[in-house]
Amino acid sequence: PIACFAEFESGSGEQLWLRGLVGRVDGSEILRAEGRSGDAQALGIAVAEDLLRQGAAQLLAAAYVE
């Protein structure tokens, strides 16, 4: 129930575009977050925190119980 995809965008101000997803095992609920930044570590943290704010911890806890 976890996925991410990153693309490096070159050109004016090289940056990384990261999209993350956490969902219920049965697909009934899917949370998405994305962002762009030149700082890969900060971007990963920001996307993860966004997913957590949306309730990803509860979805993941349920996935490991099933």
PDB file of N, CA and C in Angstrom:
ATOM      1  N   PRO A   1       0.800  -1.218   0.000  1.00  0.00           N
ATOM      2  CA  PRO A   1       0.000   0.000   0.000  1.00  0.00           C
ATOM      3  C   PRO A   1       0.838   1.277   0.000  1.00  0.00           C
ATOM      4  N   ILE A   2       2.120   1.174  -0.352  1.00  0.00           N
ATOM      5  CA  ILE A   2       3.011   2.344  -0.351  1.00  0.00           C
ATOM      6  C   ILE A   2       3.666   2.456  -1.722  1.00  0.00           C
ATOM      7  N   ALA A   3       3.751   3.684  -2.233  1.00  0.00           N
ATOM      8  CA  ALA A   3       4.422   3.899  -3.509  1.00  0.00           C
ATOM      9  C   ALA A   3       5.018   5.294  -3.548  1.00  0.00           C
ATOM     10  N   CYS A   4       6.049   5.442  -4.367  1.00  0.00           N
ATOM     11  CA  CYS A   4       6.569   6.778  -4.639  1.00  0.00           C
ATOM     12  C   CYS A   4       7.209   6.763  -6.022  1.00  0.00           C
ATOM     13  N   PHE A   5       7.280   7.935  -6.602  1.00  0.00           N
ATOM     14  CA  PHE A   5       7.881   8.108  -7.919  1.00  0.00           C
ATOM     15  C   PHE A   5       8.571   9.457  -7.919  1.00  0.00           C
ATOM     16  N   ALA A   6       9.805   9.473  -8.377  1.00  0.00           N
ATOM     17  CA  ALA A   6      10.563  10.724  -8.410  1.00  0.00           C
ATOM     18  C   ALA A   6      11.116  10.952  -9.817  1.00  0.00           C
ATOM     19  N   GLU A   7      11.116  12.208 -10.212  1.00  0.00           N
ATOM     20  CA  GLU A   7      11.699  12.600 -11.498  1.00  0.00           C
ATOM     21  C   GLU A   7      12.647  13.764 -11.256  1.00  0.00           C
ATOM     22  N   PHE A   8      13.815  13.685 -11.890  1.00  0.00           N
ATOM     23  CA  PHE A   8      14.761  14.784 -11.833  1.00  0.00           C
ATOM     24  C   PHE A   8      14.423  15.750 -12.959  1.00  0.00           C
ATOM     25  N   GLU A   9      14.218  16.998 -12.610  1.00  0.00           N
ATOM     26  CA  GLU A   9      13.882  18.014 -13.604  1.00  0.00           C
ATOM     27  C   GLU A   9      15.075  18.948 -13.771  1.00  0.00           C
ATOM     28  N   SER A  10      15.683  18.879 -14.940  1.00  0.00           N
ATOM     29  CA  SER A  10      16.822  19.758 -15.212  1.00  0.00           C
ATOM     30  C   SER A  10      16.337  21.017 -15.924  1.00  0.00           C
ATOM     31  N   GLY A  11      17.221  21.907 -16.125  1.00  0.00           N
ATOM     32  CA  GLY A  11      16.850  23.165 -16.771  1.00  0.00           C
ATOM     33  C   GLY A  11      17.073  24.301 -15.800  1.00  0.00           C
ATOM     34  N   SER A  12      16.139  25.213 -15.756  1.00  0.00           N
ATOM     35  CA  SER A  12      16.283  26.351 -14.848  1.00  0.00           C
ATOM     36  C   SER A  12      16.016  25.895 -13.419  1.00  0.00           C
ATOM     37  N   GLY A  13      17.047  25.803 -12.630  1.00  0.00           N
ATOM     38  CA  GLY A  13      16.915  25.383 -11.235  1.00  0.00           C
ATOM     39  C   GLY A  13      16.611  23.909 -11.110  1.00  0.00           C
ATOM     40  N   GLU A  14      17.632  23.070 -11.230  1.00  0.00           N
ATOM     41  CA  GLU A  14      17.433  21.631 -11.146  1.00  0.00           C
ATOM     42  C   GLU A  14      16.737  21.262  -9.837  1.00  0.00           C
ATOM     43  N   GLN A  15      15.721  20.422  -9.966  1.00  0.00           N
ATOM     44  CA  GLN A  15      15.013  19.985  -8.774  1.00  0.00           C
ATOM     45  C   GLN A  15      14.427  18.604  -8.975  1.00  0.00           C
ATOM     46  N   LEU A  16      13.978  18.031  -7.888  1.00  0.00           N
ATOM     47  CA  LEU A  16      13.372  16.722  -7.888  1.00  0.00           C
ATOM     48  C   LEU A  16      11.869  16.882  -7.677  1.00  0.00           C
ATOM     49  N   TRP A  17      11.092  16.131  -8.429  1.00  0.00           N
ATOM     50  CA  TRP A  17       9.644  16.106  -8.270  1.00  0.00           C
ATOM     51  C   TRP A  17       9.308  14.741  -7.682  1.00  0.00           C
ATOM     52  N   LEU A  18       8.732  14.722  -6.491  1.00  0.00           N
ATOM     53  CA  LEU A  18       8.432  13.478  -5.784  1.00  0.00           C
ATOM     54  C   LEU A  18       6.937  13.363  -5.556  1.00  0.00           C
ATOM     55  N   ARG A  19       6.389  12.198  -5.903  1.00  0.00           N
ATOM     56  CA  ARG A  19       4.982  11.890  -5.646  1.00  0.00           C
ATOM     57  C   ARG A  19       4.927  10.656  -4.760  1.00  0.00           C
ATOM     58  N   GLY A  20       4.144  10.723  -3.690  1.00  0.00           N
ATOM     59  CA  GLY A  20       4.012   9.601  -2.777  1.00  0.00           C
ATOM     60  C   GLY A  20       2.560   9.193  -2.628  1.00  0.00           C
ATOM     61  N   LEU A  21       2.362   7.931  -2.249  1.00  0.00           N
ATOM     62  CA  LEU A  21       1.018   7.385  -2.126  1.00  0.00           C
ATOM     63  C   LEU A  21       1.003   6.352  -1.001  1.00  0.00           C
ATOM     64  N   VAL A  22      -0.031   6.377  -0.198  1.00  0.00           N
ATOM     65  CA  VAL A  22      -0.298   5.350   0.803  1.00  0.00           C
ATOM     66  C   VAL A  22      -1.773   5.013   0.677  1.00  0.00           C
ATOM     67  N   GLY A  23      -2.092   3.717   0.671  1.00  0.00           N
ATOM     68  CA  GLY A  23      -3.486   3.332   0.513  1.00  0.00           C
ATOM     69  C   GLY A  23      -3.874   2.148   1.361  1.00  0.00           C
ATOM     70  N   ARG A  24      -5.170   1.943   1.476  1.00  0.00           N
ATOM     71  CA  ARG A  24      -5.689   0.736   2.128  1.00  0.00           C
ATOM     72  C   ARG A  24      -5.391  -0.453   1.220  1.00  0.00           C
ATOM     73  N   VAL A  25      -5.197  -1.601   1.819  1.00  0.00           N
ATOM     74  CA  VAL A  25      -4.891  -2.811   1.067  1.00  0.00           C
ATOM     75  C   VAL A  25      -5.968  -3.112   0.037  1.00  0.00           C
ATOM     76  N   ASP A  26      -7.231  -2.849   0.380  1.00  0.00           N
ATOM     77  CA  ASP A  26      -8.331  -3.142  -0.551  1.00  0.00           C
ATOM     78  C   ASP A  26      -8.560  -2.024  -1.578  1.00  0.00           C
ATOM     79  N   GLY A  27      -7.781  -0.947  -1.504  1.00  0.00           N
ATOM     80  CA  GLY A  27      -7.893   0.145  -2.468  1.00  0.00           C
ATOM     81  C   GLY A  27      -9.041   1.107  -2.202  1.00  0.00           C
ATOM     82  N   SER A  28      -9.734   0.953  -1.093  1.00  0.00           N
ATOM     83  CA  SER A  28     -10.894   1.801  -0.814  1.00  0.00           C
ATOM     84  C   SER A  28     -10.522   3.228  -0.420  1.00  0.00           C
ATOM     85  N   GLU A  29      -9.285   3.441  -0.021  1.00  0.00           N
ATOM     86  CA  GLU A  29      -8.822   4.792   0.338  1.00  0.00           C
ATOM     87  C   GLU A  29      -7.380   4.949  -0.110  1.00  0.00           C
ATOM     88  N   ILE A  30      -7.092   6.046  -0.771  1.00  0.00           N
ATOM     89  CA  ILE A  30      -5.731   6.323  -1.241  1.00  0.00           C
ATOM     90  C   ILE A  30      -5.386   7.764  -0.890  1.00  0.00           C
ATOM     91  N   LEU A  31      -4.240   7.938  -0.240  1.00  0.00           N
ATOM     92  CA  LEU A  31      -3.740   9.267   0.107  1.00  0.00           C
ATOM     93  C   LEU A  31      -2.584   9.596  -0.827  1.00  0.00           C
ATOM     94  N   ARG A  32      -2.534  10.829  -1.286  1.00  0.00           N
ATOM     95  CA  ARG A  32      -1.468  11.250  -2.211  1.00  0.00           C
ATOM     96  C   ARG A  32      -0.850  12.554  -1.727  1.00  0.00           C
ATOM     97  N   ALA A  33       0.451  12.687  -1.996  1.00  0.00           N
ATOM     98  CA  ALA A  33       1.161  13.933  -1.702  1.00  0.00           C
ATOM     99  C   ALA A  33       2.270  14.077  -2.729  1.00  0.00           C
ATOM    100  N   GLU A  34       2.648  15.315  -3.002  1.00  0.00           N
ATOM    101  CA  GLU A  34       3.740  15.552  -3.951  1.00  0.00           C
ATOM    102  C   GLU A  34       4.394  16.880  -3.653  1.00  0.00           C
ATOM    103  N   GLY A  35       5.585  17.051  -4.192  1.00  0.00           N
ATOM    104  CA  GLY A  35       6.293  18.307  -4.033  1.00  0.00           C
ATOM    105  C   GLY A  35       7.501  18.361  -4.941  1.00  0.00           C
ATOM    106  N   ARG A  36       8.086  19.540  -5.028  1.00  0.00           N
ATOM    107  CA  ARG A  36       9.299  19.772  -5.825  1.00  0.00           C
ATOM    108  C   ARG A  36      10.295  20.536  -4.966  1.00  0.00           C
ATOM    109  N   SER A  37      11.573  20.150  -5.094  1.00  0.00           N
ATOM    110  CA  SER A  37      12.614  20.840  -4.333  1.00  0.00           C
ATOM    111  C   SER A  37      13.978  20.461  -4.881  1.00  0.00           C
ATOM    112  N   GLY A  38      14.938  21.315  -4.633  1.00  0.00           N
ATOM    113  CA  GLY A  38      16.330  21.021  -4.958  1.00  0.00           C
ATOM    114  C   GLY A  38      17.004  20.240  -3.850  1.00  0.00           C
ATOM    115  N   ASP A  39      16.358  20.121  -2.708  1.00  0.00           N
ATOM    116  CA  ASP A  39      16.888  19.404  -1.551  1.00  0.00           C
ATOM    117  C   ASP A  39      16.118  18.097  -1.398  1.00  0.00           C
ATOM    118  N   ALA A  40      16.709  16.986  -1.860  1.00  0.00           N
ATOM    119  CA  ALA A  40      16.012  15.706  -1.894  1.00  0.00           C
ATOM    120  C   ALA A  40      15.590  15.234  -0.505  1.00  0.00           C
ATOM    121  N   GLN A  41      16.452  15.394   0.482  1.00  0.00           N
ATOM    122  CA  GLN A  41      16.115  14.925   1.823  1.00  0.00           C
ATOM    123  C   GLN A  41      14.937  15.709   2.399  1.00  0.00           C
ATOM    124  N   ALA A  42      14.981  17.015   2.283  1.00  0.00           N
ATOM    125  CA  ALA A  42      13.885  17.849   2.787  1.00  0.00           C
ATOM    126  C   ALA A  42      12.585  17.535   2.045  1.00  0.00           C
ATOM    127  N   LEU A  43      12.673  17.276   0.765  1.00  0.00           N
ATOM    128  CA  LEU A  43      11.493  16.942  -0.026  1.00  0.00           C
ATOM    129  C   LEU A  43      10.877  15.633   0.447  1.00  0.00           C
ATOM    130  N   GLY A  44      11.694  14.623   0.667  1.00  0.00           N
ATOM    131  CA  GLY A  44      11.194  13.341   1.151  1.00  0.00           C
ATOM    132  C   GLY A  44      10.497  13.475   2.493  1.00  0.00           C
ATOM    133  N   ILE A  45      11.086  14.251   3.380  1.00  0.00           N
ATOM    134  CA  ILE A  45      10.484  14.477   4.691  1.00  0.00           C
ATOM    135  C   ILE A  45       9.159  15.215   4.548  1.00  0.00           C
ATOM    136  N   ALA A  46       9.124  16.237   3.713  1.00  0.00           N
ATOM    137  CA  ALA A  46       7.903  17.025   3.534  1.00  0.00           C
ATOM    138  C   ALA A  46       6.763  16.185   2.971  1.00  0.00           C
ATOM    139  N   VAL A  47       7.055  15.354   1.986  1.00  0.00           N
ATOM    140  CA  VAL A  47       6.020  14.504   1.390  1.00  0.00           C
ATOM    141  C   VAL A  47       5.535  13.472   2.411  1.00  0.00           C
ATOM    142  N   ALA A  48       6.462  12.877   3.156  1.00  0.00           N
ATOM    143  CA  ALA A  48       6.084  11.909   4.190  1.00  0.00           C
ATOM    144  C   ALA A  48       5.223  12.563   5.272  1.00  0.00           C
ATOM    145  N   GLU A  49       5.616  13.752   5.706  1.00  0.00           N
ATOM    146  CA  GLU A  49       4.831  14.453   6.727  1.00  0.00           C
ATOM    147  C   GLU A  49       3.435  14.814   6.226  1.00  0.00           C
ATOM    148  N   ASP A  50       3.325  15.171   4.955  1.00  0.00           N
ATOM    149  CA  ASP A  50       2.020  15.466   4.372  1.00  0.00           C
ATOM    150  C   ASP A  50       1.139  14.217   4.409  1.00  0.00           C
ATOM    151  N   LEU A  51       1.696  13.074   4.018  1.00  0.00           N
ATOM    152  CA  LEU A  51       0.928  11.832   4.051  1.00  0.00           C
ATOM    153  C   LEU A  51       0.520  11.470   5.474  1.00  0.00           C
ATOM    154  N   LEU A  52       1.417  11.670   6.429  1.00  0.00           N
ATOM    155  CA  LEU A  52       1.085  11.391   7.826  1.00  0.00           C
ATOM    156  C   LEU A  52      -0.039  12.290   8.323  1.00  0.00           C
ATOM    157  N   ARG A  53      -0.011  13.573   7.941  1.00  0.00           N
ATOM    158  CA  ARG A  53      -1.082  14.502   8.328  1.00  0.00           C
ATOM    159  C   ARG A  53      -2.430  14.052   7.772  1.00  0.00           C
ATOM    160  N   GLN A  54      -2.407  13.403   6.618  1.00  0.00           N
ATOM    161  CA  GLN A  54      -3.645  12.927   5.999  1.00  0.00           C
ATOM    162  C   GLN A  54      -4.164  11.620   6.604  1.00  0.00           C
ATOM    163  N   GLY A  55      -3.343  10.955   7.421  1.00  0.00           N
ATOM    164  CA  GLY A  55      -3.772   9.714   8.062  1.00  0.00           C
ATOM    165  C   GLY A  55      -3.045   8.463   7.614  1.00  0.00           C
ATOM    166  N   ALA A  56      -1.890   8.594   6.998  1.00  0.00           N
ATOM    167  CA  ALA A  56      -1.151   7.437   6.490  1.00  0.00           C
ATOM    168  C   ALA A  56      -0.761   6.455   7.586  1.00  0.00           C
ATOM    169  N   ALA A  57      -0.448   6.948   8.781  1.00  0.00           N
ATOM    170  CA  ALA A  57      -0.040   6.041   9.867  1.00  0.00           C
ATOM    171  C   ALA A  57      -1.142   5.036  10.177  1.00  0.00           C
ATOM    172  N   GLN A  58      -2.380   5.485  10.193  1.00  0.00           N
ATOM    173  CA  GLN A  58      -3.500   4.593  10.481  1.00  0.00           C
ATOM    174  C   GLN A  58      -3.697   3.565   9.372  1.00  0.00           C
ATOM    175  N   LEU A  59      -3.542   3.998   8.125  1.00  0.00           N
ATOM    176  CA  LEU A  59      -3.684   3.052   7.007  1.00  0.00           C
ATOM    177  C   LEU A  59      -2.590   2.002   7.059  1.00  0.00           C
ATOM    178  N   LEU A  60      -1.368   2.414   7.353  1.00  0.00           N
ATOM    179  CA  LEU A  60      -0.259   1.463   7.409  1.00  0.00           C
ATOM    180  C   LEU A  60      -0.415   0.513   8.598  1.00  0.00           C
ATOM    181  N   ALA A  61      -0.854   1.030   9.738  1.00  0.00           N
ATOM    182  CA  ALA A  61      -1.072   0.169  10.899  1.00  0.00           C
ATOM    183  C   ALA A  61      -2.105  -0.906  10.576  1.00  0.00           C
ATOM    184  N   ALA A  62      -3.168  -0.511   9.889  1.00  0.00           N
ATOM    185  CA  ALA A  62      -4.211  -1.470   9.503  1.00  0.00           C
ATOM    186  C   ALA A  62      -3.665  -2.507   8.524  1.00  0.00           C
ATOM    187  N   ALA A  63      -2.770  -2.101   7.622  1.00  0.00           N
ATOM    188  CA  ALA A  63      -2.211  -3.016   6.635  1.00  0.00           C
ATOM    189  C   ALA A  63      -1.369  -4.104   7.292  1.00  0.00           C
ATOM    190  N   TYR A  64      -0.669  -3.749   8.362  1.00  0.00           N
ATOM    191  CA  TYR A  64       0.186  -4.723   9.022  1.00  0.00           C
ATOM    192  C   TYR A  64      -0.577  -5.634   9.977  1.00  0.00           C
ATOM    193  N   VAL A  65      -1.821  -5.302  10.297  1.00  0.00           N
ATOM    194  CA  VAL A  65      -2.662  -6.129  11.164  1.00  0.00           C
ATOM    195  C   VAL A  65      -3.365  -7.188  10.337  1.00  0.00           C
ATOM    196  N   GLU A  66      -3.756  -6.824   9.129  1.00  0.00           N
ATOM    197  CA  GLU A  66      -4.542  -7.728   8.259  1.00  0.00           C
ATOM    198  C   GLU A  66      -3.776  -8.931   7.832  1.00  0.00           C
TER     199      GLU A  66
END
